[in-house]
Every structure is written in structure tokens, then in C-alpha cells.
């Protein structure tokens, strides 16, 4: 019989440090986003969700829901297998074609999540390029870190957004360098100097691997991401994106040249040996990508809401991380305090804003991370700020 002591100690340590994670039980209400229902410990409450990654509310959009209903009625629930064995539906093919066109690349490859896409693409790159050396930004997402670690490749870490340090490391690489970085860093809202990194990649013959998870759908005239906004997308070798944030559904993908995608899909075990995404999900994602390509006004509304919220918070002396993106982090700096504030907001004011603690962020930089959407009204913003002033 297993000894439960190590498990009990792990949970106790997390609770003592303030880093124990509590999953709030909420129910999204169709057509009422960002309103939701919270099933609390003692009561059921109506709340306003301020921390969802459904940045544009596409998870509630009629175009997406209609597409999913149609696919469900046509195909049934699941895909029926792996992509290699009966699990490639026409919806998978159409979605991959649409994503490739969105990013002006030769091909796309769907994974069950962007985390899996990052992890197994990086592992596959090591199998394809034995002498690859990953040069990774110090604030990269856990999926990128895990993929590099599990690949067994040599790695170097450059200081966050420090191009001078990146160049120092590139000079010393023996092998094939691959720069791994993100466009929008989701916890701070900071952005990379993509043109600067691309210039260094060209100078040193490096591969560029860019995670655009918090940018696809949100930036660029058609939602192709921050590299498209900065005019650098054609210089990115492999780009990672998600269907679970701005597109409001689920799943992840990479886009690249045809032969690169062909090789990766042929050796990436995390793609090969798992049941493929449901055609229903693919149908919803396909509709969402197509819709957002044609509706830049939704992105403009999103940015306006973020700017307004930042201005209101700053005017009330509520400390935030200054950035140029849609992410609005409020500085707290203590794990237990951060959790207590989050609890008070949802219990007393019906405002859901999850505490962000270690290991998601460094100890001492704990924060509340707000994600305003086009559907957060001025009244909701004022209610939020009044509540924050009281609990802070």
C-alpha cells in the first residue's frame, strides 16, 4: 500500500506557503459572458469573471456555437481515433488549412493543446536535428521549459528580453541554434522585440520558435498575432498558437513550412499516439478563426477596454504592471495576501479574479491578473475598482 505521508507533506507545505491552488467551481452562462455562476463552499452566487482567457468572448459567439451544433449533429461526439487511425476528419483538414493561411505558412499541425504542441514539437526538433541547441528566454512558459528539458538537447537561457545577452550566447553555440521565445508574456503582459530577435537569428543562422498563444486572434489585421503586427511573421520558422484563448474553444497548433510540418508530425509521439481533437471542437475553432479574420473591430474594442481599465486603476493609485497589451496585472507581492484578496473579492463582491502565485510567477511578485474583454462594461469596471480599493 502506498505511503500517503509524502503527499500529505506536499499539500501541507503548499498551504503553509500560500501557494495551494483552489479551483473555483463556476458555470459560464451562455449569452451572458462575462457573467457566471459560482458554486461556493456555502452558497451559489452570480459573479463577474475578470480572469478568463476567453479574451474576445468567442466561446459564447453564435457563429461558433452554430458551427459546433452542426458538426455534432453531422459527426457525433468524438473523432474515433488518432490522426493516423480513423481520427482525421474533414474538419481537422479544413482547420489546419485555415490556420496555415492565417499565418501565411505552408502547413499547420493540430495538437490537443498548445502545451502539448510546444512540448512535443521541441522534442521532435531534437530528434530531427541532433545537434540542436535551444536558447530560451528566462520567462518562457512551462510547456517550453518542459519540452526543452524532455528533448535532452543542450540549452542556454538568456535574460528576459535581453538581446545583448542573447547575442552573447549565440556567439558561443556549437551546433544548430534555436531561439525559443514568446510574443506576449501572459503574466506580465510584456512583449518581445520580435524584429530584433529575428535579426539576430539571421545573423547567426538560428531557427526561430515563437509561442504566440496570448497573441493569436488578438493582434494583427486578421488576428495572426504579434509577429504579424510587427511585420516579422514571415521570418518566424515555427509558430505556436492556441485555439483555447482568443478563439474561445480548445486545442493548440504549430505552423511552418510544409516539409518541416511533415517531419514533425512523423516523429512527435505526443501527436501520433493520442486521440485527435473532436471534430465538433475543430468546427467551432474553424468558424472562430474565419470570423476573427474579418472582424478587426472586435480586437479594437478589446484594446480600448484594456486601456480604459489601466487608466482607471492608475488614477486610483492601484499598482499595475505597465505594458502595451491586453493583460492587466495588479501587484500584490505576497502569496497569502494575494489569495486572501482574491477570496474576499469573490465572496463579498461577486468578482472573480484568481490569485497568481508561485510557481506561475516568482516568489515576491504575486499578483491578480485581470483580463478585460469587449464585454466588460464601464459599470463593471467601476464596481471592480471600488471593490479593489476596499480589499487592498
Protein backbone atom coordinates (compact mmCIF):
# COMPACT_ATOMS: atom_id res chain seq x y z
CA UNK A 1 0.00 0.00 0.00
CA UNK A 2 1.27 3.46 -0.87
CA UNK A 3 2.57 5.66 1.94
CA UNK A 4 0.48 8.84 1.91
CA UNK A 5 2.92 10.84 4.06
CA UNK A 6 4.88 12.44 1.17
CA UNK A 7 1.61 13.52 -0.43
CA UNK A 8 0.29 14.98 2.82
CA UNK A 9 3.57 16.84 3.36
CA UNK A 10 3.43 18.27 -0.15
CA UNK A 11 -0.09 19.60 0.34
CA UNK A 12 0.72 20.95 3.83
CA UNK A 13 3.79 22.79 2.54
CA UNK A 14 1.79 24.40 -0.24
CA UNK A 15 -0.89 25.55 2.19
CA UNK A 16 1.69 26.99 4.60
CA UNK A 17 3.39 28.98 1.85
CA UNK A 18 0.10 30.27 0.46
CA UNK A 19 0.65 28.51 -2.86
CA UNK A 20 -2.03 25.84 -2.52
CA UNK A 21 -4.30 26.02 -5.55
CA UNK A 22 -8.07 26.14 -5.14
CA UNK A 23 -10.18 25.59 -8.26
CA UNK A 24 -13.24 27.80 -8.23
CA UNK A 25 -16.30 25.86 -9.39
CA UNK A 26 -18.01 28.15 -11.88
CA UNK A 27 -20.61 27.78 -14.60
CA UNK A 28 -20.46 30.02 -17.65
CA UNK A 29 -23.88 31.28 -18.74
CA UNK A 30 -24.48 31.14 -22.47
CA UNK A 31 -25.11 34.61 -23.85
CA UNK A 32 -24.26 36.32 -20.55
CA UNK A 33 -20.44 36.49 -20.74
CA UNK A 34 -18.58 37.63 -18.62
CA UNK A 35 -21.26 36.81 -16.05
CA UNK A 36 -21.11 33.37 -14.48
CA UNK A 37 -22.42 31.33 -11.57
CA UNK A 38 -20.06 30.40 -8.74
CA UNK A 39 -20.69 27.32 -6.62
CA UNK A 40 -19.02 28.42 -3.41
CA UNK A 41 -18.48 26.50 -0.20
CA UNK A 42 -21.54 27.95 1.47
CA UNK A 43 -23.65 29.49 -1.29
CA UNK A 44 -24.25 29.84 -5.01
CA UNK A 45 -23.57 33.35 -6.32
CA UNK A 46 -23.75 35.34 -9.50
CA UNK A 47 -20.29 36.68 -10.34
CA UNK A 48 -18.41 38.68 -12.96
CA UNK A 49 -15.46 36.77 -14.38
CA UNK A 50 -12.38 39.03 -14.67
CA UNK A 51 -9.73 36.37 -15.29
CA UNK A 52 -10.93 34.30 -18.25
CA UNK A 53 -8.61 33.71 -21.19
CA UNK A 54 -11.64 33.72 -23.49
CA UNK A 55 -10.36 37.18 -24.36
CA UNK A 56 -12.94 38.06 -27.03
CA UNK A 57 -15.88 36.05 -25.75
CA UNK A 58 -15.79 33.79 -28.82
CA UNK A 59 -16.64 30.79 -26.66
CA UNK A 60 -20.14 32.29 -26.50
CA UNK A 61 -20.42 33.58 -30.06
CA UNK A 62 -23.38 32.39 -32.14
CA UNK A 63 -21.18 31.70 -35.19
CA UNK A 64 -19.04 29.32 -33.15
CA UNK A 65 -21.92 27.63 -31.37
CA UNK A 66 -23.88 27.12 -34.59
CA UNK A 67 -20.86 25.53 -36.25
CA UNK A 68 -20.40 23.18 -33.32
CA UNK A 69 -24.09 22.20 -33.27
CA UNK A 70 -23.92 21.42 -36.97
CA UNK A 71 -20.80 19.31 -36.59
CA UNK A 72 -22.22 17.47 -33.58
CA UNK A 73 -25.36 16.56 -35.49
CA UNK A 74 -23.31 15.53 -38.52
CA UNK A 75 -20.42 13.58 -36.96
CA UNK A 76 -21.30 12.71 -33.37
CA UNK A 77 -19.14 13.50 -30.37
CA UNK A 78 -15.57 12.22 -30.70
CA UNK A 79 -13.07 11.77 -33.50
CA UNK A 80 -12.90 7.98 -33.17
CA UNK A 81 -9.15 7.58 -33.11
CA UNK A 82 -5.68 9.01 -33.53
CA UNK A 83 -4.93 11.14 -36.55
CA UNK A 84 -3.23 8.16 -38.19
CA UNK A 85 -6.03 5.68 -37.45
CA UNK A 86 -9.51 6.95 -38.33
CA UNK A 87 -9.16 10.25 -36.39
CA UNK A 88 -8.61 12.71 -39.25
CA UNK A 89 -11.95 14.22 -40.19
CA UNK A 90 -12.59 16.81 -42.87
CA UNK A 91 -12.90 19.37 -40.05
CA UNK A 92 -9.30 18.67 -38.98
CA UNK A 93 -8.06 19.12 -42.54
CA UNK A 94 -10.06 22.32 -43.07
CA UNK A 95 -8.90 23.83 -39.80
CA UNK A 96 -5.23 23.10 -40.48
CA UNK A 97 -5.56 24.67 -43.93
CA UNK A 98 -7.23 27.76 -42.44
CA UNK A 99 -4.50 28.16 -39.80
CA UNK A 100 -1.75 27.83 -42.38
CA UNK A 101 -3.39 30.56 -44.47
CA UNK A 102 -3.88 32.78 -41.41
CA UNK A 103 -0.15 32.75 -40.70
CA UNK A 104 0.98 32.69 -44.36
CA UNK A 105 2.75 29.37 -43.86
CA UNK A 106 2.83 26.17 -45.89
CA UNK A 107 1.11 23.92 -43.37
CA UNK A 108 -0.30 23.59 -39.86
CA UNK A 109 -0.44 20.74 -37.35
CA UNK A 110 -3.16 20.40 -34.70
CA UNK A 111 -2.41 19.15 -31.19
CA UNK A 112 -4.77 18.58 -28.28
CA UNK A 113 -3.41 21.70 -26.54
CA UNK A 114 -0.81 24.42 -27.07
CA UNK A 115 1.11 22.96 -24.11
CA UNK A 116 1.35 19.60 -25.87
CA UNK A 117 2.22 21.37 -29.13
CA UNK A 118 5.14 23.17 -27.51
CA UNK A 119 6.43 20.18 -25.59
CA UNK A 120 6.33 17.64 -28.38
CA UNK A 121 7.42 19.93 -31.18
CA UNK A 122 10.58 20.80 -29.26
CA UNK A 123 11.22 17.13 -28.52
CA UNK A 124 10.68 16.34 -32.21
CA UNK A 125 13.15 19.05 -33.26
CA UNK A 126 15.89 17.34 -31.25
CA UNK A 127 15.11 14.04 -33.00
CA UNK A 128 15.23 15.71 -36.40
CA UNK A 129 18.24 17.97 -35.72
CA UNK A 130 20.56 16.02 -33.37
CA UNK A 131 22.95 18.95 -32.76
CA UNK A 132 20.21 21.49 -31.97
CA UNK A 133 20.92 23.92 -29.10
CA UNK A 134 17.88 25.64 -27.58
CA UNK A 135 18.38 29.24 -26.45
CA UNK A 136 15.38 30.07 -24.30
CA UNK A 137 14.03 33.27 -22.74
CA UNK A 138 14.19 33.08 -18.94
CA UNK A 139 10.44 33.79 -18.60
CA UNK A 140 9.24 31.21 -21.09
CA UNK A 141 6.11 29.19 -20.35
CA UNK A 142 6.30 25.86 -18.52
CA UNK A 143 5.43 23.99 -21.72
CA UNK A 144 8.50 25.39 -23.48
CA UNK A 145 10.71 24.65 -20.49
CA UNK A 146 9.40 21.10 -20.26
CA UNK A 147 9.78 20.48 -23.97
CA UNK A 148 13.39 21.63 -23.94
CA UNK A 149 14.13 19.58 -20.84
CA UNK A 150 12.49 16.43 -22.17
CA UNK A 151 14.20 16.76 -25.53
CA UNK A 152 17.58 16.15 -23.91
CA UNK A 153 19.13 18.86 -26.09
CA UNK A 154 21.75 21.32 -24.93
CA UNK A 155 20.14 24.53 -23.68
CA UNK A 156 21.11 28.07 -22.81
CA UNK A 157 18.94 30.65 -21.03
CA UNK A 158 19.01 34.34 -21.90
CA UNK A 159 17.78 37.06 -19.59
CA UNK A 160 14.20 38.09 -20.31
CA UNK A 161 14.01 40.26 -23.44
CA UNK A 162 17.77 40.95 -23.21
CA UNK A 163 19.01 40.87 -26.80
CA UNK A 164 22.60 41.64 -25.83
CA UNK A 165 22.70 38.56 -23.63
CA UNK A 166 21.00 36.54 -26.37
CA UNK A 167 23.73 37.55 -28.82
CA UNK A 168 26.45 36.63 -26.33
CA UNK A 169 25.01 33.12 -26.10
CA UNK A 170 24.54 32.80 -29.86
CA UNK A 171 28.22 33.55 -30.43
CA UNK A 172 29.23 30.51 -28.38
CA UNK A 173 26.84 27.94 -29.83
CA UNK A 174 28.41 24.85 -31.34
CA UNK A 175 25.63 23.19 -33.31
CA UNK A 176 22.33 24.44 -34.69
CA UNK A 177 20.92 27.28 -32.54
CA UNK A 178 17.16 27.57 -32.00
CA UNK A 179 15.82 30.67 -30.25
CA UNK A 180 12.70 29.85 -28.23
CA UNK A 181 10.60 32.78 -27.05
CA UNK A 182 7.09 34.19 -26.68
CA UNK A 183 5.50 37.22 -28.28
CA UNK A 184 3.26 38.21 -25.34
CA UNK A 185 4.26 37.03 -21.86
CA UNK A 186 0.97 36.23 -20.22
CA UNK A 187 1.63 37.07 -16.58
CA UNK A 188 3.37 40.45 -17.08
CA UNK A 189 1.88 41.46 -20.40
CA UNK A 190 5.32 42.34 -21.75
CA UNK A 191 6.12 41.81 -25.44
CA UNK A 192 9.26 40.63 -27.21
CA UNK A 193 11.29 42.62 -29.70
CA UNK A 194 10.48 40.13 -32.44
CA UNK A 195 12.24 42.04 -35.26
CA UNK A 196 15.35 42.32 -33.09
CA UNK A 197 15.37 38.60 -32.31
CA UNK A 198 14.76 37.74 -35.96
CA UNK A 199 17.71 39.93 -36.97
CA UNK A 200 19.98 38.05 -34.55
CA UNK A 201 18.65 34.72 -35.83
CA UNK A 202 19.54 35.70 -39.38
CA UNK A 203 22.99 36.89 -38.30
CA UNK A 204 23.84 33.63 -36.53
CA UNK A 205 21.88 31.17 -38.64
CA UNK A 206 19.43 30.34 -35.84
CA UNK A 207 15.99 28.75 -36.04
CA UNK A 208 13.19 30.87 -34.55
CA UNK A 209 10.48 29.16 -32.47
CA UNK A 210 7.79 31.62 -31.34
CA UNK A 211 4.93 30.99 -28.91
CA UNK A 212 2.01 33.30 -29.85
CA UNK A 213 -0.55 31.73 -27.54
CA UNK A 214 -1.61 35.04 -25.93
CA UNK A 215 -1.50 36.94 -29.22
CA UNK A 216 -3.23 34.86 -31.92
CA UNK A 217 -6.68 36.23 -32.64
CA UNK A 218 -5.82 39.44 -30.80
CA UNK A 219 -3.16 41.25 -32.82
CA UNK A 220 -2.58 41.95 -36.49
CA UNK A 221 -5.24 42.97 -39.02
CA UNK A 222 -6.53 39.39 -39.28
CA UNK A 223 -5.55 38.14 -35.82
CA UNK A 224 -2.39 36.36 -36.95
CA UNK A 225 -0.53 37.52 -33.83
CA UNK A 226 2.10 39.93 -32.60
CA UNK A 227 4.70 38.88 -35.16
CA UNK A 228 2.19 39.85 -37.86
CA UNK A 229 1.56 43.16 -36.08
CA UNK A 230 5.31 43.85 -36.05
CA UNK A 231 5.78 42.72 -39.65
CA UNK A 232 8.01 39.76 -38.76
CA UNK A 233 5.75 36.74 -39.24
CA UNK A 234 7.40 35.64 -42.50
CA UNK A 235 10.76 35.43 -40.68
CA UNK A 236 9.48 33.05 -37.99
CA UNK A 237 10.37 29.42 -38.73
CA UNK A 238 7.89 27.71 -36.39
CA UNK A 239 4.97 29.47 -34.70
CA UNK A 240 2.85 28.02 -31.90
CA UNK A 241 -0.73 29.11 -31.24
CA UNK A 242 -3.81 28.12 -29.30
CA UNK A 243 -7.49 27.73 -30.05
CA UNK A 244 -8.41 27.93 -26.37
CA UNK A 245 -7.97 31.65 -25.68
CA UNK A 246 -8.93 34.34 -28.19
CA UNK A 247 -10.66 31.72 -30.35
CA UNK A 248 -12.70 30.54 -27.38
CA UNK A 249 -12.56 26.78 -27.95
CA UNK A 250 -9.78 24.25 -27.24
CA UNK A 251 -6.60 22.84 -28.75
CA UNK A 252 -3.23 24.01 -29.99
CA UNK A 253 -1.22 24.05 -33.18
CA UNK A 254 2.02 24.89 -34.92
CA UNK A 255 2.52 26.38 -38.38
CA UNK A 256 5.60 26.24 -40.55
CA UNK A 257 6.93 25.14 -43.95
CA UNK A 258 5.34 22.04 -45.49
CA UNK A 259 8.36 19.75 -45.11
CA UNK A 260 9.01 20.92 -41.54
CA UNK A 261 5.44 20.11 -40.51
CA UNK A 262 5.60 16.80 -42.35
CA UNK A 263 8.74 15.74 -40.47
CA UNK A 264 7.44 16.87 -37.06
CA UNK A 265 4.11 15.07 -37.43
CA UNK A 266 6.03 11.93 -38.34
CA UNK A 267 8.16 11.80 -35.16
CA UNK A 268 6.26 13.71 -32.44
CA UNK A 269 4.86 11.00 -30.15
CA UNK A 270 2.57 13.44 -28.37
CA UNK A 271 0.83 13.97 -31.70
CA UNK A 272 0.99 10.43 -33.08
CA UNK A 273 -0.23 8.39 -30.12
CA UNK A 274 -3.16 10.39 -28.78
CA UNK A 275 -6.80 10.57 -29.79
CA UNK A 276 -7.34 13.59 -32.02
CA UNK A 277 -9.49 16.58 -31.16
CA UNK A 278 -13.22 16.17 -31.57
CA UNK A 279 -14.49 17.31 -34.98
CA UNK A 280 -17.02 19.38 -33.02
CA UNK A 281 -14.19 21.38 -31.44
CA UNK A 282 -12.47 21.72 -34.82
CA UNK A 283 -15.68 23.07 -36.36
CA UNK A 284 -16.04 25.70 -33.66
CA UNK A 285 -12.40 26.71 -33.94
CA UNK A 286 -12.63 26.93 -37.73
CA UNK A 287 -15.64 29.24 -37.50
CA UNK A 288 -13.92 31.37 -34.87
CA UNK A 289 -10.70 31.79 -36.87
CA UNK A 290 -12.65 32.73 -40.00
CA UNK A 291 -14.85 35.21 -38.11
CA UNK A 292 -11.97 36.97 -36.38
CA UNK A 293 -10.03 37.29 -39.63
CA UNK A 294 -12.88 39.51 -40.88
CA UNK A 295 -13.73 41.42 -37.69
CA UNK A 296 -10.84 43.58 -36.59
CA UNK A 297 -13.28 45.85 -34.76
CA UNK A 298 -13.54 43.24 -32.00
CA UNK A 299 -9.78 43.49 -31.45
CA UNK A 300 -10.04 47.28 -31.37
CA UNK A 301 -12.79 47.11 -28.76
CA UNK A 302 -10.68 44.71 -26.72
CA UNK A 303 -7.72 47.08 -26.71
CA UNK A 304 -9.92 50.03 -25.79
CA UNK A 305 -11.30 48.16 -22.80
CA UNK A 306 -7.79 47.28 -21.60
CA UNK A 307 -6.56 50.87 -21.97
CA UNK A 308 -9.55 52.22 -20.08
CA UNK A 309 -9.18 49.77 -17.21
CA UNK A 310 -5.46 50.53 -16.86
CA UNK A 311 -6.18 54.25 -16.79
CA UNK A 312 -8.87 53.87 -14.13
CA UNK A 313 -6.62 51.70 -11.95
CA UNK A 314 -3.70 54.12 -12.28
CA UNK A 315 -5.93 57.10 -11.42
CA UNK A 316 -6.92 55.32 -8.21
CA UNK A 317 -3.25 54.54 -7.35
CA UNK A 318 -3.76 50.80 -7.68
CA UNK A 319 -0.32 49.46 -8.73
CA UNK A 320 -0.21 47.59 -12.02
CA UNK A 321 2.47 46.21 -14.34
CA UNK A 322 2.84 48.78 -17.12
CA UNK A 323 2.61 47.17 -20.55
CA UNK A 324 1.17 47.70 -24.04
CA UNK A 325 -1.02 44.60 -24.18
CA UNK A 326 -4.48 43.48 -23.06
CA UNK A 327 -3.19 41.88 -19.84
CA UNK A 328 -3.66 43.90 -16.63
CA UNK A 329 -1.71 42.51 -13.66
CA UNK A 330 -2.17 44.13 -10.23
CA UNK A 331 0.87 43.99 -7.98
CA UNK A 332 0.35 42.29 -4.60
CA UNK A 333 3.74 40.74 -3.76
CA UNK A 334 2.69 38.22 -1.09
CA UNK A 335 1.15 34.80 -1.69
CA UNK A 336 -1.15 34.62 1.33
CA UNK A 337 -2.30 38.21 0.90
CA UNK A 338 -2.96 37.62 -2.80
CA UNK A 339 -5.12 34.58 -2.07
CA UNK A 340 -6.98 36.40 0.71
CA UNK A 341 -7.77 39.34 -1.57
CA UNK A 342 -8.99 37.01 -4.32
CA UNK A 343 -11.21 35.18 -1.81
CA UNK A 344 -12.68 38.41 -0.45
CA UNK A 345 -13.42 39.74 -3.93
CA UNK A 346 -15.46 36.70 -4.92
CA UNK A 347 -17.10 36.13 -1.53
CA UNK A 348 -18.08 39.72 -0.75
CA UNK A 349 -18.32 41.43 -4.12
CA UNK A 350 -19.04 38.70 -6.68
CA UNK A 351 -15.83 39.47 -8.56
CA UNK A 352 -13.77 36.51 -9.75
CA UNK A 353 -10.08 37.25 -10.15
CA UNK A 354 -7.78 34.32 -9.48
CA UNK A 355 -4.65 34.79 -7.36
CA UNK A 356 -1.46 34.17 -9.35
CA UNK A 357 1.25 32.71 -7.13
CA UNK A 358 4.44 30.63 -7.39
CA UNK A 359 5.38 28.65 -9.48
CA UNK A 360 3.42 30.54 -12.15
CA UNK A 361 5.27 33.71 -11.10
CA UNK A 362 8.36 34.30 -8.98
CA UNK A 363 8.03 34.48 -5.20
CA UNK A 364 7.51 38.11 -4.19
CA UNK A 365 5.77 39.04 -7.46
CA UNK A 366 2.37 37.55 -6.70
CA UNK A 367 -0.48 39.32 -8.43
CA UNK A 368 -4.08 39.46 -9.52
CA UNK A 369 -4.26 39.15 -13.31
CA UNK A 370 -7.19 40.94 -14.90
CA UNK A 371 -8.29 40.14 -18.44
CA UNK A 372 -10.81 42.73 -19.63
CA UNK A 373 -12.86 41.78 -22.69
CA UNK A 374 -15.06 43.78 -25.08
CA UNK A 375 -17.98 42.69 -22.88
CA UNK A 376 -16.79 44.18 -19.59
CA UNK A 377 -18.86 47.34 -19.25
CA UNK A 378 -17.88 50.66 -17.67
CA UNK A 379 -20.17 49.82 -14.76
CA UNK A 380 -18.35 46.51 -14.22
CA UNK A 381 -15.03 48.35 -14.22
CA UNK A 382 -16.15 50.87 -11.60
CA UNK A 383 -17.59 48.07 -9.45
CA UNK A 384 -14.25 46.25 -9.70
CA UNK A 385 -12.17 49.29 -8.77
CA UNK A 386 -14.37 50.21 -5.81
CA UNK A 387 -14.08 46.65 -4.51
CA UNK A 388 -10.30 46.59 -5.06
CA UNK A 389 -9.83 49.82 -3.12
CA UNK A 390 -11.71 48.36 -0.17
CA UNK A 391 -9.93 45.00 -0.08
CA UNK A 392 -6.46 46.39 -0.78
